Amino acid sequence: PVAHPKVSIDALRRGLPVLCEKPLAETVRECLTMVAAAEVSGQ
């Protein structure tokens, strides 16, 4: 889980959709950053 934000955001920025194991991240703060990354990438 601690690596989910880094790995998933990296993949999104490379134009790849991501299926991430639960939990999305360890904190809600990190989750919101991942939401923003999905919006920026459009993935």
PDB file of all heavy atoms in Angstrom:
ATOM      1  N   PRO A   1       0.794  -1.239   0.000  1.00  0.00           N
ATOM      2  CA  PRO A   1       0.000   0.000   0.000  1.00  0.00           C
ATOM      3  C   PRO A   1       0.821   1.282   0.000  1.00  0.00           C
ATOM      4  O   PRO A   1       0.458   2.254  -0.672  1.00  0.00           O
ATOM      5  CB  PRO A   1      -0.841  -0.132   1.269  1.00  0.00           C
ATOM      6  CG  PRO A   1      -1.039  -1.609   1.413  1.00  0.00           C
ATOM      7  CD  PRO A   1       0.270  -2.221   0.984  1.00  0.00           C
ATOM      8  N   VAL A   2       1.941   1.305   0.722  1.00  0.00           N
ATOM      9  CA  VAL A   2       2.732   2.525   0.786  1.00  0.00           C
ATOM     10  C   VAL A   2       3.282   2.919  -0.581  1.00  0.00           C
ATOM     11  O   VAL A   2       3.565   4.101  -0.837  1.00  0.00           O
ATOM     12  CB  VAL A   2       3.890   2.357   1.809  1.00  0.00           C
ATOM     13  CG1 VAL A   2       4.931   1.358   1.311  1.00  0.00           C
ATOM     14  CG2 VAL A   2       4.532   3.702   2.123  1.00  0.00           C
ATOM     15  N   ALA A   3       3.404   1.951  -1.494  1.00  0.00           N
ATOM     16  CA  ALA A   3       3.947   2.230  -2.826  1.00  0.00           C
ATOM     17  C   ALA A   3       2.870   2.550  -3.855  1.00  0.00           C
ATOM     18  O   ALA A   3       3.193   2.958  -4.978  1.00  0.00           O
ATOM     19  CB  ALA A   3       4.777   1.037  -3.315  1.00  0.00           C
ATOM     20  N   HIS A   4       1.608   2.358  -3.514  1.00  0.00           N
ATOM     21  CA  HIS A   4       0.534   2.562  -4.492  1.00  0.00           C
ATOM     22  C   HIS A   4       0.543   3.952  -5.134  1.00  0.00           C
ATOM     23  O   HIS A   4       0.421   4.059  -6.365  1.00  0.00           O
ATOM     24  CB  HIS A   4      -0.828   2.298  -3.847  1.00  0.00           C
ATOM     25  CG  HIS A   4      -1.104   0.852  -3.623  1.00  0.00           C
ATOM     26  ND1 HIS A   4      -2.224   0.384  -2.953  1.00  0.00           N
ATOM     27  CD2 HIS A   4      -0.415  -0.257  -3.979  1.00  0.00           C
ATOM     28  CE1 HIS A   4      -2.201  -0.928  -2.901  1.00  0.00           C
ATOM     29  NE2 HIS A   4      -1.107  -1.342  -3.509  1.00  0.00           N
ATOM     30  N   PRO A   5       0.646   5.029  -4.366  1.00  0.00           N
ATOM     31  CA  PRO A   5       0.630   6.346  -5.022  1.00  0.00           C
ATOM     32  C   PRO A   5       1.732   6.519  -6.059  1.00  0.00           C
ATOM     33  O   PRO A   5       1.480   6.967  -7.178  1.00  0.00           O
ATOM     34  CB  PRO A   5       0.800   7.323  -3.846  1.00  0.00           C
ATOM     35  CG  PRO A   5       0.262   6.577  -2.662  1.00  0.00           C
ATOM     36  CD  PRO A   5       0.673   5.155  -2.891  1.00  0.00           C
ATOM     37  N   LYS A   6       2.947   6.151  -5.712  1.00  0.00           N
ATOM     38  CA  LYS A   6       4.073   6.330  -6.636  1.00  0.00           C
ATOM     39  C   LYS A   6       3.898   5.490  -7.897  1.00  0.00           C
ATOM     40  O   LYS A   6       4.037   5.988  -9.024  1.00  0.00           O
ATOM     41  CB  LYS A   6       5.385   5.961  -5.938  1.00  0.00           C
ATOM     42  CG  LYS A   6       6.635   6.138  -6.805  1.00  0.00           C
ATOM     43  CD  LYS A   6       7.885   5.790  -6.034  1.00  0.00           C
ATOM     44  CE  LYS A   6       9.154   6.060  -6.862  1.00  0.00           C
ATOM     45  NZ  LYS A   6       9.217   5.235  -8.078  1.00  0.00           N
ATOM     46  N   VAL A   7       3.571   4.213  -7.718  1.00  0.00           N
ATOM     47  CA  VAL A   7       3.472   3.297  -8.855  1.00  0.00           C
ATOM     48  C   VAL A   7       2.291   3.661  -9.751  1.00  0.00           C
ATOM     49  O   VAL A   7       2.417   3.747 -10.982  1.00  0.00           O
ATOM     50  CB  VAL A   7       3.347   1.842  -8.372  1.00  0.00           C
ATOM     51  CG1 VAL A   7       3.018   0.909  -9.531  1.00  0.00           C
ATOM     52  CG2 VAL A   7       4.645   1.403  -7.693  1.00  0.00           C
ATOM     53  N   SER A   8       1.134   3.880  -9.149  1.00  0.00           N
ATOM     54  CA  SER A   8      -0.061   4.160  -9.946  1.00  0.00           C
ATOM     55  C   SER A   8       0.047   5.496 -10.672  1.00  0.00           C
ATOM     56  O   SER A   8      -0.340   5.613 -11.841  1.00  0.00           O
ATOM     57  CB  SER A   8      -1.311   4.132  -9.063  1.00  0.00           C
ATOM     58  OG  SER A   8      -1.608   2.814  -8.648  1.00  0.00           O
ATOM     59  N   ILE A   9       0.569   6.507  -9.990  1.00  0.00           N
ATOM     60  CA  ILE A   9       0.706   7.821 -10.639  1.00  0.00           C
ATOM     61  C   ILE A   9       1.715   7.744 -11.784  1.00  0.00           C
ATOM     62  O   ILE A   9       1.511   8.342 -12.854  1.00  0.00           O
ATOM     63  CB  ILE A   9       1.104   8.893  -9.600  1.00  0.00           C
ATOM     64  CG1 ILE A   9      -0.077   9.167  -8.655  1.00  0.00           C
ATOM     65  CG2 ILE A   9       1.531  10.184 -10.297  1.00  0.00           C
ATOM     66  CD1 ILE A   9       0.255  10.125  -7.523  1.00  0.00           C
ATOM     67  N   ASP A  10       2.785   7.007 -11.605  1.00  0.00           N
ATOM     68  CA  ASP A  10       3.766   6.812 -12.678  1.00  0.00           C
ATOM     69  C   ASP A  10       3.108   6.190 -13.904  1.00  0.00           C
ATOM     70  O   ASP A  10       3.304   6.642 -15.040  1.00  0.00           O
ATOM     71  CB  ASP A  10       4.912   5.935 -12.175  1.00  0.00           C
ATOM     72  CG  ASP A  10       5.983   5.702 -13.237  1.00  0.00           C
ATOM     73  OD1 ASP A  10       6.143   6.565 -14.120  1.00  0.00           O
ATOM     74  OD2 ASP A  10       6.647   4.660 -13.185  1.00  0.00           O
ATOM     75  N   ALA A  11       2.305   5.155 -13.670  1.00  0.00           N
ATOM     76  CA  ALA A  11       1.635   4.484 -14.784  1.00  0.00           C
ATOM     77  C   ALA A  11       0.635   5.414 -15.473  1.00  0.00           C
ATOM     78  O   ALA A  11       0.569   5.478 -16.714  1.00  0.00           O
ATOM     79  CB  ALA A  11       0.925   3.231 -14.284  1.00  0.00           C
ATOM     80  N   LEU A  12      -0.149   6.135 -14.693  1.00  0.00           N
ATOM     81  CA  LEU A  12      -1.137   7.056 -15.263  1.00  0.00           C
ATOM     82  C   LEU A  12      -0.457   8.100 -16.142  1.00  0.00           C
ATOM     83  O   LEU A  12      -0.934   8.411 -17.238  1.00  0.00           O
ATOM     84  CB  LEU A  12      -1.926   7.742 -14.144  1.00  0.00           C
ATOM     85  CG  LEU A  12      -2.875   6.851 -13.329  1.00  0.00           C
ATOM     86  CD1 LEU A  12      -3.360   7.586 -12.088  1.00  0.00           C
ATOM     87  CD2 LEU A  12      -4.072   6.409 -14.178  1.00  0.00           C
ATOM     88  N   ARG A  13       0.665   8.615 -15.682  1.00  0.00           N
ATOM     89  CA  ARG A  13       1.358   9.660 -16.431  1.00  0.00           C
ATOM     90  C   ARG A  13       1.986   9.123 -17.709  1.00  0.00           C
ATOM     91  O   ARG A  13       2.312   9.895 -18.612  1.00  0.00           O
ATOM     92  CB  ARG A  13       2.409  10.308 -15.544  1.00  0.00           C
ATOM     93  CG  ARG A  13       1.778  11.215 -14.501  1.00  0.00           C
ATOM     94  CD  ARG A  13       2.789  12.006 -13.758  1.00  0.00           C
ATOM     95  NE  ARG A  13       2.257  13.309 -13.391  1.00  0.00           N
ATOM     96  CZ  ARG A  13       2.837  14.125 -12.531  1.00  0.00           C
ATOM     97  NH1 ARG A  13       3.978  13.768 -11.969  1.00  0.00           N
ATOM     98  NH2 ARG A  13       2.303  15.287 -12.243  1.00  0.00           N
ATOM     99  N   ARG A  14       2.155   7.837 -17.786  1.00  0.00           N
ATOM    100  CA  ARG A  14       2.643   7.212 -19.019  1.00  0.00           C
ATOM    101  C   ARG A  14       1.485   6.845 -19.945  1.00  0.00           C
ATOM    102  O   ARG A  14       1.693   6.184 -20.963  1.00  0.00           O
ATOM    103  CB  ARG A  14       3.478   5.978 -18.682  1.00  0.00           C
ATOM    104  CG  ARG A  14       4.755   6.293 -17.929  1.00  0.00           C
ATOM    105  CD  ARG A  14       5.525   5.034 -17.564  1.00  0.00           C
ATOM    106  NE  ARG A  14       6.680   5.332 -16.735  1.00  0.00           N
ATOM    107  CZ  ARG A  14       7.865   5.723 -17.170  1.00  0.00           C
ATOM    108  NH1 ARG A  14       8.065   5.860 -18.463  1.00  0.00           N
ATOM    109  NH2 ARG A  14       8.856   5.970 -16.337  1.00  0.00           N
ATOM    110  N   GLY A  15       0.281   7.282 -19.596  1.00  0.00           N
ATOM    111  CA  GLY A  15      -0.878   7.050 -20.449  1.00  0.00           C
ATOM    112  C   GLY A  15      -1.505   5.686 -20.288  1.00  0.00           C
ATOM    113  O   GLY A  15      -2.227   5.233 -21.193  1.00  0.00           O
ATOM    114  N   LEU A  16      -1.271   5.038 -19.149  1.00  0.00           N
ATOM    115  CA  LEU A  16      -1.789   3.690 -18.930  1.00  0.00           C
ATOM    116  C   LEU A  16      -2.870   3.673 -17.854  1.00  0.00           C
ATOM    117  O   LEU A  16      -2.649   4.160 -16.742  1.00  0.00           O
ATOM    118  CB  LEU A  16      -0.647   2.757 -18.493  1.00  0.00           C
ATOM    119  CG  LEU A  16       0.513   2.599 -19.475  1.00  0.00           C
ATOM    120  CD1 LEU A  16       1.639   1.823 -18.824  1.00  0.00           C
ATOM    121  CD2 LEU A  16       0.039   1.906 -20.741  1.00  0.00           C
ATOM    122  N   PRO A  17      -4.027   3.117 -18.144  1.00  0.00           N
ATOM    123  CA  PRO A  17      -5.039   2.930 -17.100  1.00  0.00           C
ATOM    124  C   PRO A  17      -4.527   1.936 -16.067  1.00  0.00           C
ATOM    125  O   PRO A  17      -3.716   1.054 -16.379  1.00  0.00           O
ATOM    126  CB  PRO A  17      -6.252   2.387 -17.857  1.00  0.00           C
ATOM    127  CG  PRO A  17      -5.695   1.808 -19.118  1.00  0.00           C
ATOM    128  CD  PRO A  17      -4.476   2.614 -19.457  1.00  0.00           C
ATOM    129  N   VAL A  18      -5.005   2.068 -14.834  1.00  0.00           N
ATOM    130  CA  VAL A  18      -4.464   1.280 -13.728  1.00  0.00           C
ATOM    131  C   VAL A  18      -5.585   0.610 -12.930  1.00  0.00           C
ATOM    132  O   VAL A  18      -6.582   1.247 -12.590  1.00  0.00           O
ATOM    133  CB  VAL A  18      -3.637   2.162 -12.772  1.00  0.00           C
ATOM    134  CG1 VAL A  18      -3.133   1.340 -11.581  1.00  0.00           C
ATOM    135  CG2 VAL A  18      -2.474   2.804 -13.507  1.00  0.00           C
ATOM    136  N   LEU A  19      -5.366  -0.662 -12.616  1.00  0.00           N
ATOM    137  CA  LEU A  19      -6.179  -1.375 -11.634  1.00  0.00           C
ATOM    138  C   LEU A  19      -5.286  -1.583 -10.428  1.00  0.00           C
ATOM    139  O   LEU A  19      -4.282  -2.294 -10.501  1.00  0.00           O
ATOM    140  CB  LEU A  19      -6.657  -2.718 -12.190  1.00  0.00           C
ATOM    141  CG  LEU A  19      -7.440  -3.612 -11.214  1.00  0.00           C
ATOM    142  CD1 LEU A  19      -8.666  -2.900 -10.670  1.00  0.00           C
ATOM    143  CD2 LEU A  19      -7.849  -4.923 -11.896  1.00  0.00           C
ATOM    144  N   CYS A  20      -5.629  -0.938  -9.311  1.00  0.00           N
ATOM    145  CA  CYS A  20      -4.796  -0.932  -8.122  1.00  0.00           C
ATOM    146  C   CYS A  20      -5.412  -1.799  -7.028  1.00  0.00           C
ATOM    147  O   CYS A  20      -6.611  -1.711  -6.763  1.00  0.00           O
ATOM    148  CB  CYS A  20      -4.629   0.501  -7.614  1.00  0.00           C
ATOM    149  SG  CYS A  20      -3.603   0.686  -6.144  1.00  0.00           S
ATOM    150  N   GLU A  21      -4.590  -2.630  -6.406  1.00  0.00           N
ATOM    151  CA  GLU A  21      -5.073  -3.426  -5.276  1.00  0.00           C
ATOM    152  C   GLU A  21      -5.514  -2.487  -4.151  1.00  0.00           C
ATOM    153  O   GLU A  21      -5.025  -1.366  -4.014  1.00  0.00           O
ATOM    154  CB  GLU A  21      -3.966  -4.361  -4.772  1.00  0.00           C
ATOM    155  CG  GLU A  21      -4.170  -5.825  -5.122  1.00  0.00           C
ATOM    156  CD  GLU A  21      -5.421  -6.430  -4.518  1.00  0.00           C
ATOM    157  OE1 GLU A  21      -5.986  -5.878  -3.560  1.00  0.00           O
ATOM    158  OE2 GLU A  21      -5.851  -7.472  -5.038  1.00  0.00           O
ATOM    159  N   LYS A  22      -6.439  -3.000  -3.328  1.00  0.00           N
ATOM    160  CA  LYS A  22      -6.866  -2.220  -2.165  1.00  0.00           C
ATOM    161  C   LYS A  22      -5.807  -2.317  -1.075  1.00  0.00           C
ATOM    162  O   LYS A  22      -5.051  -3.299  -1.046  1.00  0.00           O
ATOM    163  CB  LYS A  22      -8.240  -2.703  -1.683  1.00  0.00           C
ATOM    164  CG  LYS A  22      -8.229  -4.040  -0.903  1.00  0.00           C
ATOM    165  CD  LYS A  22      -7.931  -3.843   0.571  1.00  0.00           C
ATOM    166  CE  LYS A  22      -7.582  -5.116   1.270  1.00  0.00           C
ATOM    167  NZ  LYS A  22      -7.024  -4.949   2.626  1.00  0.00           N
ATOM    168  N   PRO A  23      -5.698  -1.342  -0.170  1.00  0.00           N
ATOM    169  CA  PRO A  23      -6.371  -0.054  -0.230  1.00  0.00           C
ATOM    170  C   PRO A  23      -5.704   0.855  -1.257  1.00  0.00           C
ATOM    171  O   PRO A  23      -4.512   0.694  -1.555  1.00  0.00           O
ATOM    172  CB  PRO A  23      -6.185   0.494   1.190  1.00  0.00           C
ATOM    173  CG  PRO A  23      -4.859  -0.057   1.609  1.00  0.00           C
ATOM    174  CD  PRO A  23      -4.819  -1.446   1.023  1.00  0.00           C
ATOM    175  N   LEU A  24      -6.449   1.805  -1.763  1.00  0.00           N
ATOM    176  CA  LEU A  24      -5.915   2.731  -2.756  1.00  0.00           C
ATOM    177  C   LEU A  24      -4.617   3.368  -2.265  1.00  0.00           C
ATOM    178  O   LEU A  24      -3.635   3.462  -3.003  1.00  0.00           O
ATOM    179  CB  LEU A  24      -6.961   3.807  -3.059  1.00  0.00           C
ATOM    180  CG  LEU A  24      -6.571   4.914  -4.027  1.00  0.00           C
ATOM    181  CD1 LEU A  24      -6.231   4.336  -5.387  1.00  0.00           C
ATOM    182  CD2 LEU A  24      -7.698   5.940  -4.134  1.00  0.00           C
ATOM    183  N   ALA A  25      -4.602   3.804  -1.015  1.00  0.00           N
ATOM    184  CA  ALA A  25      -3.402   4.366  -0.386  1.00  0.00           C
ATOM    185  C   ALA A  25      -3.579   4.275   1.122  1.00  0.00           C
ATOM    186  O   ALA A  25      -4.640   3.878   1.611  1.00  0.00           O
ATOM    187  CB  ALA A  25      -3.183   5.807  -0.823  1.00  0.00           C
ATOM    188  N   GLU A  26      -2.559   4.668   1.847  1.00  0.00           N
ATOM    189  CA  GLU A  26      -2.621   4.571   3.302  1.00  0.00           C
ATOM    190  C   GLU A  26      -3.387   5.717   3.943  1.00  0.00           C
ATOM    191  O   GLU A  26      -3.873   5.589   5.069  1.00  0.00           O
ATOM    192  CB  GLU A  26      -1.208   4.515   3.880  1.00  0.00           C
ATOM    193  CG  GLU A  26      -0.462   3.226   3.547  1.00  0.00           C
ATOM    194  CD  GLU A  26       0.835   3.089   4.304  1.00  0.00           C
ATOM    195  OE1 GLU A  26       1.595   4.084   4.356  1.00  0.00           O
ATOM    196  OE2 GLU A  26       1.107   2.002   4.841  1.00  0.00           O
ATOM    197  N   THR A  27      -3.497   6.845   3.248  1.00  0.00           N
ATOM    198  CA  THR A  27      -4.195   8.002   3.798  1.00  0.00           C
ATOM    199  C   THR A  27      -5.133   8.599   2.755  1.00  0.00           C
ATOM    200  O   THR A  27      -4.913   8.457   1.543  1.00  0.00           O
ATOM    201  CB  THR A  27      -3.208   9.095   4.244  1.00  0.00           C
ATOM    202  OG1 THR A  27      -2.541   9.617   3.086  1.00  0.00           O
ATOM    203  CG2 THR A  27      -2.184   8.540   5.233  1.00  0.00           C
ATOM    204  N   VAL A  28      -6.143   9.300   3.230  1.00  0.00           N
ATOM    205  CA  VAL A  28      -7.061   9.989   2.320  1.00  0.00           C
ATOM    206  C   VAL A  28      -6.320  11.078   1.554  1.00  0.00           C
ATOM    207  O   VAL A  28      -6.588  11.319   0.370  1.00  0.00           O
ATOM    208  CB  VAL A  28      -8.247  10.580   3.100  1.00  0.00           C
ATOM    209  CG1 VAL A  28      -9.169  11.369   2.173  1.00  0.00           C
ATOM    210  CG2 VAL A  28      -9.037   9.476   3.796  1.00  0.00           C
ATOM    211  N   ARG A  29      -5.368  11.734   2.218  1.00  0.00           N
ATOM    212  CA  ARG A  29      -4.574  12.764   1.539  1.00  0.00           C
ATOM    213  C   ARG A  29      -3.903  12.206   0.284  1.00  0.00           C
ATOM    214  O   ARG A  29      -3.960  12.817  -0.784  1.00  0.00           O
ATOM    215  CB  ARG A  29      -3.513  13.314   2.494  1.00  0.00           C
ATOM    216  CG  ARG A  29      -2.534  14.276   1.825  1.00  0.00           C
ATOM    217  CD  ARG A  29      -1.409  14.678   2.763  1.00  0.00           C
ATOM    218  NE  ARG A  29      -0.615  13.545   3.205  1.00  0.00           N
ATOM    219  CZ  ARG A  29       0.348  12.977   2.489  1.00  0.00           C
ATOM    220  NH1 ARG A  29       0.623  13.413   1.257  1.00  0.00           N
ATOM    221  NH2 ARG A  29       1.043  11.965   2.970  1.00  0.00           N
ATOM    222  N   GLU A  30      -3.276  11.040   0.397  1.00  0.00           N
ATOM    223  CA  GLU A  30      -2.615  10.427  -0.755  1.00  0.00           C
ATOM    224  C   GLU A  30      -3.634  10.014  -1.810  1.00  0.00           C
ATOM    225  O   GLU A  30      -3.380  10.113  -3.014  1.00  0.00           O
ATOM    226  CB  GLU A  30      -1.807   9.212  -0.304  1.00  0.00           C
ATOM    227  CG  GLU A  30      -0.603   9.552   0.550  1.00  0.00           C
ATOM    228  CD  GLU A  30       0.029   8.318   1.162  1.00  0.00           C
ATOM    229  OE1 GLU A  30      -0.687   7.555   1.836  1.00  0.00           O
ATOM    230  OE2 GLU A  30       1.235   8.109   0.945  1.00  0.00           O
ATOM    231  N   CYS A  31      -4.789   9.548  -1.355  1.00  0.00           N
ATOM    232  CA  CYS A  31      -5.846   9.160  -2.297  1.00  0.00           C
ATOM    233  C   CYS A  31      -6.274  10.340  -3.158  1.00  0.00           C
ATOM    234  O   CYS A  31      -6.483  10.196  -4.370  1.00  0.00           O
ATOM    235  CB  CYS A  31      -7.062   8.615  -1.544  1.00  0.00           C
ATOM    236  SG  CYS A  31      -6.803   7.015  -0.745  1.00  0.00           S
ATOM    237  N   LEU A  32      -6.402  11.503  -2.547  1.00  0.00           N
ATOM    238  CA  LEU A  32      -6.825  12.686  -3.298  1.00  0.00           C
ATOM    239  C   LEU A  32      -5.781  13.066  -4.340  1.00  0.00           C
ATOM    240  O   LEU A  32      -6.119  13.515  -5.443  1.00  0.00           O
ATOM    241  CB  LEU A  32      -7.084  13.852  -2.341  1.00  0.00           C
ATOM    242  CG  LEU A  32      -8.243  13.647  -1.365  1.00  0.00           C
ATOM    243  CD1 LEU A  32      -8.370  14.852  -0.433  1.00  0.00           C
ATOM    244  CD2 LEU A  32      -9.560  13.413  -2.107  1.00  0.00           C
ATOM    245  N   THR A  33      -4.513  12.864  -4.019  1.00  0.00           N
ATOM    246  CA  THR A  33      -3.451  13.115  -4.992  1.00  0.00           C
ATOM    247  C   THR A  33      -3.577  12.165  -6.175  1.00  0.00           C
ATOM    248  O   THR A  33      -3.358  12.551  -7.335  1.00  0.00           O
ATOM    249  CB  THR A  33      -2.073  12.953  -4.335  1.00  0.00           C
ATOM    250  OG1 THR A  33      -1.976  13.828  -3.215  1.00  0.00           O
ATOM    251  CG2 THR A  33      -0.958  13.265  -5.326  1.00  0.00           C
ATOM    252  N   MET A  34      -3.973  10.920  -5.902  1.00  0.00           N
ATOM    253  CA  MET A  34      -4.154   9.936  -6.967  1.00  0.00           C
ATOM    254  C   MET A  34      -5.375  10.271  -7.814  1.00  0.00           C
ATOM    255  O   MET A  34      -5.383  10.039  -9.033  1.00  0.00           O
ATOM    256  CB  MET A  34      -4.261   8.541  -6.367  1.00  0.00           C
ATOM    257  CG  MET A  34      -2.973   8.107  -5.652  1.00  0.00           C
ATOM    258  SD  MET A  34      -3.134   6.590  -4.687  1.00  0.00           S
ATOM    259  CE  MET A  34      -3.055   5.354  -5.998  1.00  0.00           C
ATOM    260  N   VAL A  35      -6.410  10.819  -7.201  1.00  0.00           N
ATOM    261  CA  VAL A  35      -7.569  11.290  -7.964  1.00  0.00           C
ATOM    262  C   VAL A  35      -7.135  12.387  -8.933  1.00  0.00           C
ATOM    263  O   VAL A  35      -7.497  12.388 -10.120  1.00  0.00           O
ATOM    264  CB  VAL A  35      -8.669  11.820  -7.016  1.00  0.00           C
ATOM    265  CG1 VAL A  35      -9.773  12.513  -7.816  1.00  0.00           C
ATOM    266  CG2 VAL A  35      -9.262  10.690  -6.190  1.00  0.00           C
ATOM    267  N   ALA A  36      -6.336  13.320  -8.424  1.00  0.00           N
ATOM    268  CA  ALA A  36      -5.847  14.409  -9.276  1.00  0.00           C
ATOM    269  C   ALA A  36      -5.006  13.866 -10.430  1.00  0.00           C
ATOM    270  O   ALA A  36      -5.114  14.340 -11.568  1.00  0.00           O
ATOM    271  CB  ALA A  36      -5.033  15.396  -8.445  1.00  0.00           C
ATOM    272  N   ALA A  37      -4.190  12.860 -10.157  1.00  0.00           N
ATOM    273  CA  ALA A  37      -3.352  12.272 -11.209  1.00  0.00           C
ATOM    274  C   ALA A  37      -4.202  11.612 -12.287  1.00  0.00           C
ATOM    275  O   ALA A  37      -3.888  11.697 -13.482  1.00  0.00           O
ATOM    276  CB  ALA A  37      -2.393  11.253 -10.596  1.00  0.00           C
ATOM    277  N   ALA A  38      -5.282  10.961 -11.881  1.00  0.00           N
ATOM    278  CA  ALA A  38      -6.180  10.349 -12.859  1.00  0.00           C
ATOM    279  C   ALA A  38      -6.820  11.420 -13.734  1.00  0.00           C
ATOM    280  O   ALA A  38      -6.970  11.244 -14.956  1.00  0.00           O
ATOM    281  CB  ALA A  38      -7.252   9.526 -12.140  1.00  0.00           C
ATOM    282  N   GLU A  39      -7.181  12.544 -13.125  1.00  0.00           N
ATOM    283  CA  GLU A  39      -7.793  13.627 -13.894  1.00  0.00           C
ATOM    284  C   GLU A  39      -6.785  14.268 -14.848  1.00  0.00           C
ATOM    285  O   GLU A  39      -7.113  14.571 -15.999  1.00  0.00           O
ATOM    286  CB  GLU A  39      -8.382  14.665 -12.941  1.00  0.00           C
ATOM    287  CG  GLU A  39      -9.578  14.147 -12.136  1.00  0.00           C
ATOM    288  CD  GLU A  39     -10.213  15.221 -11.284  1.00  0.00           C
ATOM    289  OE1 GLU A  39      -9.718  16.376 -11.297  1.00  0.00           O
ATOM    290  OE2 GLU A  39     -11.219  14.915 -10.600  1.00  0.00           O
ATOM    291  N   VAL A  40      -5.571  14.477 -14.390  1.00  0.00           N
ATOM    292  CA  VAL A  40      -4.533  15.090 -15.236  1.00  0.00           C
ATOM    293  C   VAL A  40      -4.230  14.202 -16.436  1.00  0.00           C
ATOM    294  O   VAL A  40      -4.090  14.672 -17.564  1.00  0.00           O
ATOM    295  CB  VAL A  40      -3.248  15.344 -14.418  1.00  0.00           C
ATOM    296  CG1 VAL A  40      -2.087  15.698 -15.344  1.00  0.00           C
ATOM    297  CG2 VAL A  40      -3.471  16.447 -13.402  1.00  0.00           C
ATOM    298  N   SER A  41      -4.143  12.895 -16.185  1.00  0.00           N
ATOM    299  CA  SER A  41      -3.776  11.961 -17.250  1.00  0.00           C
ATOM    300  C   SER A  41      -4.943  11.614 -18.168  1.00  0.00           C
ATOM    301  O   SER A  41      -4.737  11.195 -19.313  1.00  0.00           O
ATOM    302  CB  SER A  41      -3.231  10.668 -16.642  1.00  0.00           C
ATOM    303  OG  SER A  41      -4.265   9.958 -15.965  1.00  0.00           O
ATOM    304  N   GLY A  42      -6.164  11.755 -17.655  1.00  0.00           N
ATOM    305  CA  GLY A  42      -7.334  11.342 -18.421  1.00  0.00           C
ATOM    306  C   GLY A  42      -7.481   9.832 -18.507  1.00  0.00           C
ATOM    307  O   GLY A  42      -8.242   9.317 -19.329  1.00  0.00           O
ATOM    308  N   GLN A  43      -6.766   9.116 -17.618  1.00  0.00           N
ATOM    309  CA  GLN A  43      -6.793   7.656 -17.628  1.00  0.00           C
ATOM    310  C   GLN A  43      -7.615   7.117 -16.453  1.00  0.00           C
ATOM    311  O   GLN A  43      -7.756   7.765 -15.421  1.00  0.00           O
ATOM    312  CB  GLN A  43      -5.370   7.093 -17.559  1.00  0.00           C
ATOM    313  CG  GLN A  43      -4.495   7.454 -18.730  1.00  0.00           C
ATOM    314  CD  GLN A  43      -5.009   6.880 -20.043  1.00  0.00           C
ATOM    315  OE1 GLN A  43      -5.599   5.799 -20.070  1.00  0.00           O
ATOM    316  NE2 GLN A  43      -4.789   7.600 -21.138  1.00  0.00           N
TER     317      GLN A  43
END
